């Protein structure tokens, strides 16, 4: 599972996605992946990292994998 966002401005270390992959959503549509990047969430005590975020401009809401978040941040 990857993280997904429609918001390009939320990504750091951005790169164009050159593979032919798409994101399959619940209604059966396949949405093109445009970029891949990373980001972080800062709190007063810690910084959490999000890797391999897919930029899918046609998705309506961002998606976060709780399992991947916990594994990447050892929480």
N, C-alpha and C. Protein backbone atom coordinates (compact mmCIF):
# COMPACT_ATOMS: atom_id res chain seq x y z
N UNK A 1 0.85 -1.19 0.00
CA UNK A 1 0.00 0.00 0.00
C UNK A 1 0.88 1.24 0.00
N UNK A 2 0.53 2.19 -0.82
CA UNK A 2 1.23 3.46 -0.86
C UNK A 2 0.34 4.56 -0.30
N UNK A 3 0.96 5.66 0.03
CA UNK A 3 0.20 6.87 0.34
C UNK A 3 -0.20 7.49 -0.99
N UNK A 4 -1.32 8.20 -1.00
CA UNK A 4 -1.80 8.84 -2.23
C UNK A 4 -2.27 10.25 -1.90
N UNK A 5 -1.94 11.21 -2.77
CA UNK A 5 -2.40 12.58 -2.58
C UNK A 5 -2.75 13.22 -3.92
N UNK A 6 -3.77 14.08 -3.93
CA UNK A 6 -4.04 14.87 -5.13
C UNK A 6 -3.26 16.19 -5.13
N UNK A 7 -2.62 16.51 -4.00
CA UNK A 7 -1.97 17.80 -3.79
C UNK A 7 -0.47 17.73 -4.06
N UNK A 8 -0.06 18.21 -5.19
CA UNK A 8 1.36 18.19 -5.58
C UNK A 8 2.22 19.03 -4.63
N UNK A 9 1.67 20.09 -4.07
CA UNK A 9 2.46 20.97 -3.20
C UNK A 9 2.80 20.33 -1.86
N UNK A 10 2.16 19.23 -1.52
CA UNK A 10 2.46 18.58 -0.23
C UNK A 10 3.65 17.64 -0.31
N UNK A 11 4.23 17.48 -1.51
CA UNK A 11 5.33 16.54 -1.70
C UNK A 11 6.69 17.22 -1.67
N UNK A 12 7.66 16.55 -1.05
CA UNK A 12 9.06 16.94 -1.09
C UNK A 12 9.79 15.91 -1.94
N UNK A 13 10.97 16.23 -2.41
CA UNK A 13 11.77 15.28 -3.19
C UNK A 13 10.93 14.64 -4.29
N UNK A 14 10.32 15.46 -5.08
CA UNK A 14 9.39 15.07 -6.11
C UNK A 14 10.09 14.58 -7.37
N UNK A 15 9.55 13.54 -7.99
CA UNK A 15 10.07 13.03 -9.26
C UNK A 15 8.90 12.62 -10.14
N UNK A 16 9.06 12.80 -11.44
CA UNK A 16 8.03 12.35 -12.37
C UNK A 16 7.92 10.83 -12.30
N UNK A 17 6.72 10.33 -12.46
CA UNK A 17 6.48 8.89 -12.43
C UNK A 17 6.49 8.40 -13.87
N UNK A 18 7.51 7.64 -14.25
CA UNK A 18 7.68 7.22 -15.64
C UNK A 18 7.16 5.81 -15.91
N UNK A 19 6.78 5.08 -14.88
CA UNK A 19 6.25 3.73 -15.09
C UNK A 19 4.83 3.83 -15.65
N UNK A 20 4.31 2.73 -16.09
CA UNK A 20 2.98 2.75 -16.70
C UNK A 20 1.87 2.41 -15.71
N UNK A 21 2.15 2.50 -14.42
CA UNK A 21 1.18 2.12 -13.40
C UNK A 21 0.03 3.10 -13.25
N UNK A 22 -1.07 2.57 -12.77
CA UNK A 22 -2.24 3.37 -12.44
C UNK A 22 -2.73 2.97 -11.07
N UNK A 23 -3.57 3.79 -10.50
CA UNK A 23 -4.19 3.48 -9.21
C UNK A 23 -5.62 3.03 -9.48
N UNK A 24 -5.94 1.82 -9.06
CA UNK A 24 -7.29 1.28 -9.23
C UNK A 24 -8.12 1.68 -8.01
N UNK A 25 -9.25 2.32 -8.24
CA UNK A 25 -10.10 2.78 -7.14
C UNK A 25 -11.39 1.96 -7.09
N UNK A 26 -12.15 2.14 -6.02
CA UNK A 26 -13.32 1.31 -5.74
C UNK A 26 -14.40 1.28 -6.80
N UNK A 27 -14.52 2.34 -7.59
CA UNK A 27 -15.56 2.36 -8.61
C UNK A 27 -15.10 1.70 -9.92
N UNK A 28 -13.92 1.09 -9.90
CA UNK A 28 -13.41 0.38 -11.06
C UNK A 28 -12.54 1.21 -12.00
N UNK A 29 -12.44 2.49 -11.75
CA UNK A 29 -11.62 3.35 -12.61
C UNK A 29 -10.14 3.18 -12.30
N UNK A 30 -9.32 3.45 -13.29
CA UNK A 30 -7.87 3.46 -13.14
C UNK A 30 -7.40 4.89 -13.32
N UNK A 31 -6.79 5.45 -12.28
CA UNK A 31 -6.34 6.84 -12.31
C UNK A 31 -4.82 6.88 -12.54
N UNK A 32 -4.36 7.75 -13.42
CA UNK A 32 -2.92 7.80 -13.70
C UNK A 32 -2.12 8.37 -12.53
N UNK A 33 -0.96 7.77 -12.29
CA UNK A 33 0.00 8.27 -11.30
C UNK A 33 0.92 9.24 -12.03
N UNK A 34 1.02 10.47 -11.53
CA UNK A 34 1.77 11.51 -12.24
C UNK A 34 3.18 11.70 -11.67
N UNK A 35 3.29 11.71 -10.35
CA UNK A 35 4.57 11.92 -9.68
C UNK A 35 4.67 10.97 -8.49
N UNK A 36 5.86 10.87 -7.95
CA UNK A 36 6.09 10.16 -6.70
C UNK A 36 7.01 11.03 -5.86
N UNK A 37 6.80 11.03 -4.55
CA UNK A 37 7.61 11.88 -3.69
C UNK A 37 7.54 11.43 -2.25
N UNK A 38 7.97 12.29 -1.38
CA UNK A 38 7.95 12.01 0.05
C UNK A 38 7.52 13.28 0.78
N UNK A 39 7.25 13.12 2.05
CA UNK A 39 6.86 14.26 2.87
C UNK A 39 7.13 13.92 4.33
N UNK A 40 6.79 14.81 5.20
CA UNK A 40 6.94 14.56 6.62
C UNK A 40 5.88 15.33 7.39
N UNK A 41 5.60 14.83 8.57
CA UNK A 41 4.65 15.48 9.48
C UNK A 41 5.44 15.82 10.73
N UNK A 42 5.43 17.08 11.09
CA UNK A 42 6.18 17.51 12.28
C UNK A 42 5.22 17.77 13.43
N UNK A 43 5.62 17.30 14.59
CA UNK A 43 4.93 17.63 15.83
C UNK A 43 5.92 18.38 16.71
N UNK A 44 5.51 18.77 17.86
CA UNK A 44 6.43 19.49 18.75
C UNK A 44 7.55 18.58 19.24
N UNK A 45 7.31 17.26 19.26
CA UNK A 45 8.29 16.31 19.80
C UNK A 45 9.04 15.50 18.76
N UNK A 46 8.44 15.34 17.58
CA UNK A 46 9.01 14.38 16.63
C UNK A 46 8.63 14.74 15.20
N UNK A 47 9.38 14.20 14.27
CA UNK A 47 9.08 14.33 12.85
C UNK A 47 8.81 12.94 12.29
N UNK A 48 7.69 12.78 11.61
CA UNK A 48 7.31 11.51 11.01
C UNK A 48 7.50 11.60 9.51
N UNK A 49 7.97 10.50 8.91
CA UNK A 49 8.28 10.50 7.49
C UNK A 49 7.27 9.67 6.71
N UNK A 50 6.94 10.16 5.53
CA UNK A 50 6.07 9.43 4.61
C UNK A 50 6.84 9.27 3.31
N UNK A 51 7.08 8.02 2.91
CA UNK A 51 7.86 7.73 1.72
C UNK A 51 6.95 7.15 0.64
N UNK A 52 7.37 7.29 -0.60
CA UNK A 52 6.65 6.72 -1.74
C UNK A 52 5.20 7.19 -1.81
N UNK A 53 5.01 8.49 -1.73
CA UNK A 53 3.68 9.07 -1.89
C UNK A 53 3.40 9.21 -3.38
N UNK A 54 2.28 8.68 -3.81
CA UNK A 54 1.89 8.78 -5.21
C UNK A 54 1.04 10.03 -5.42
N UNK A 55 1.40 10.84 -6.40
CA UNK A 55 0.59 12.00 -6.76
C UNK A 55 -0.37 11.55 -7.85
N UNK A 56 -1.65 11.50 -7.50
CA UNK A 56 -2.71 11.12 -8.43
C UNK A 56 -3.66 12.31 -8.46
N UNK A 57 -3.51 13.14 -9.48
CA UNK A 57 -4.23 14.42 -9.51
C UNK A 57 -5.75 14.26 -9.58
N UNK A 58 -6.24 13.12 -10.05
CA UNK A 58 -7.68 12.94 -10.21
C UNK A 58 -8.35 12.26 -9.03
N UNK A 59 -7.60 11.96 -7.97
CA UNK A 59 -8.23 11.37 -6.79
C UNK A 59 -8.82 12.49 -5.94
N UNK A 60 -9.94 12.23 -5.30
CA UNK A 60 -10.63 13.31 -4.59
C UNK A 60 -10.08 13.58 -3.19
N UNK A 61 -9.55 12.57 -2.51
CA UNK A 61 -9.05 12.73 -1.14
C UNK A 61 -7.71 12.01 -0.98
N UNK A 62 -6.84 12.52 -0.12
CA UNK A 62 -5.59 11.81 0.15
C UNK A 62 -5.86 10.53 0.94
N UNK A 63 -4.99 9.54 0.78
CA UNK A 63 -5.11 8.27 1.49
C UNK A 63 -3.80 7.99 2.22
N UNK A 64 -3.92 7.52 3.44
CA UNK A 64 -2.76 7.21 4.25
C UNK A 64 -2.87 5.77 4.73
N UNK A 65 -1.82 5.00 4.56
CA UNK A 65 -1.77 3.64 5.08
C UNK A 65 -1.23 3.70 6.51
N UNK A 66 -2.08 3.37 7.47
CA UNK A 66 -1.65 3.40 8.87
C UNK A 66 -0.56 2.37 9.11
N UNK A 67 -0.69 1.20 8.52
CA UNK A 67 0.32 0.15 8.69
C UNK A 67 1.67 0.60 8.15
N UNK A 68 1.70 1.17 6.96
CA UNK A 68 2.96 1.63 6.38
C UNK A 68 3.53 2.79 7.21
N UNK A 69 2.68 3.70 7.67
CA UNK A 69 3.13 4.81 8.50
C UNK A 69 3.81 4.29 9.77
N UNK A 70 3.20 3.34 10.42
CA UNK A 70 3.77 2.77 11.65
C UNK A 70 5.10 2.06 11.38
N UNK A 71 5.17 1.30 10.29
CA UNK A 71 6.40 0.60 9.95
C UNK A 71 7.52 1.59 9.61
N UNK A 72 7.22 2.60 8.80
CA UNK A 72 8.25 3.57 8.39
C UNK A 72 8.76 4.40 9.55
N UNK A 73 7.95 4.60 10.57
CA UNK A 73 8.32 5.49 11.67
C UNK A 73 8.54 4.74 12.98
N UNK A 74 8.53 3.43 12.94
CA UNK A 74 8.80 2.60 14.12
C UNK A 74 7.93 2.99 15.31
N UNK A 75 6.63 3.12 15.04
CA UNK A 75 5.68 3.43 16.10
C UNK A 75 4.60 2.36 16.19
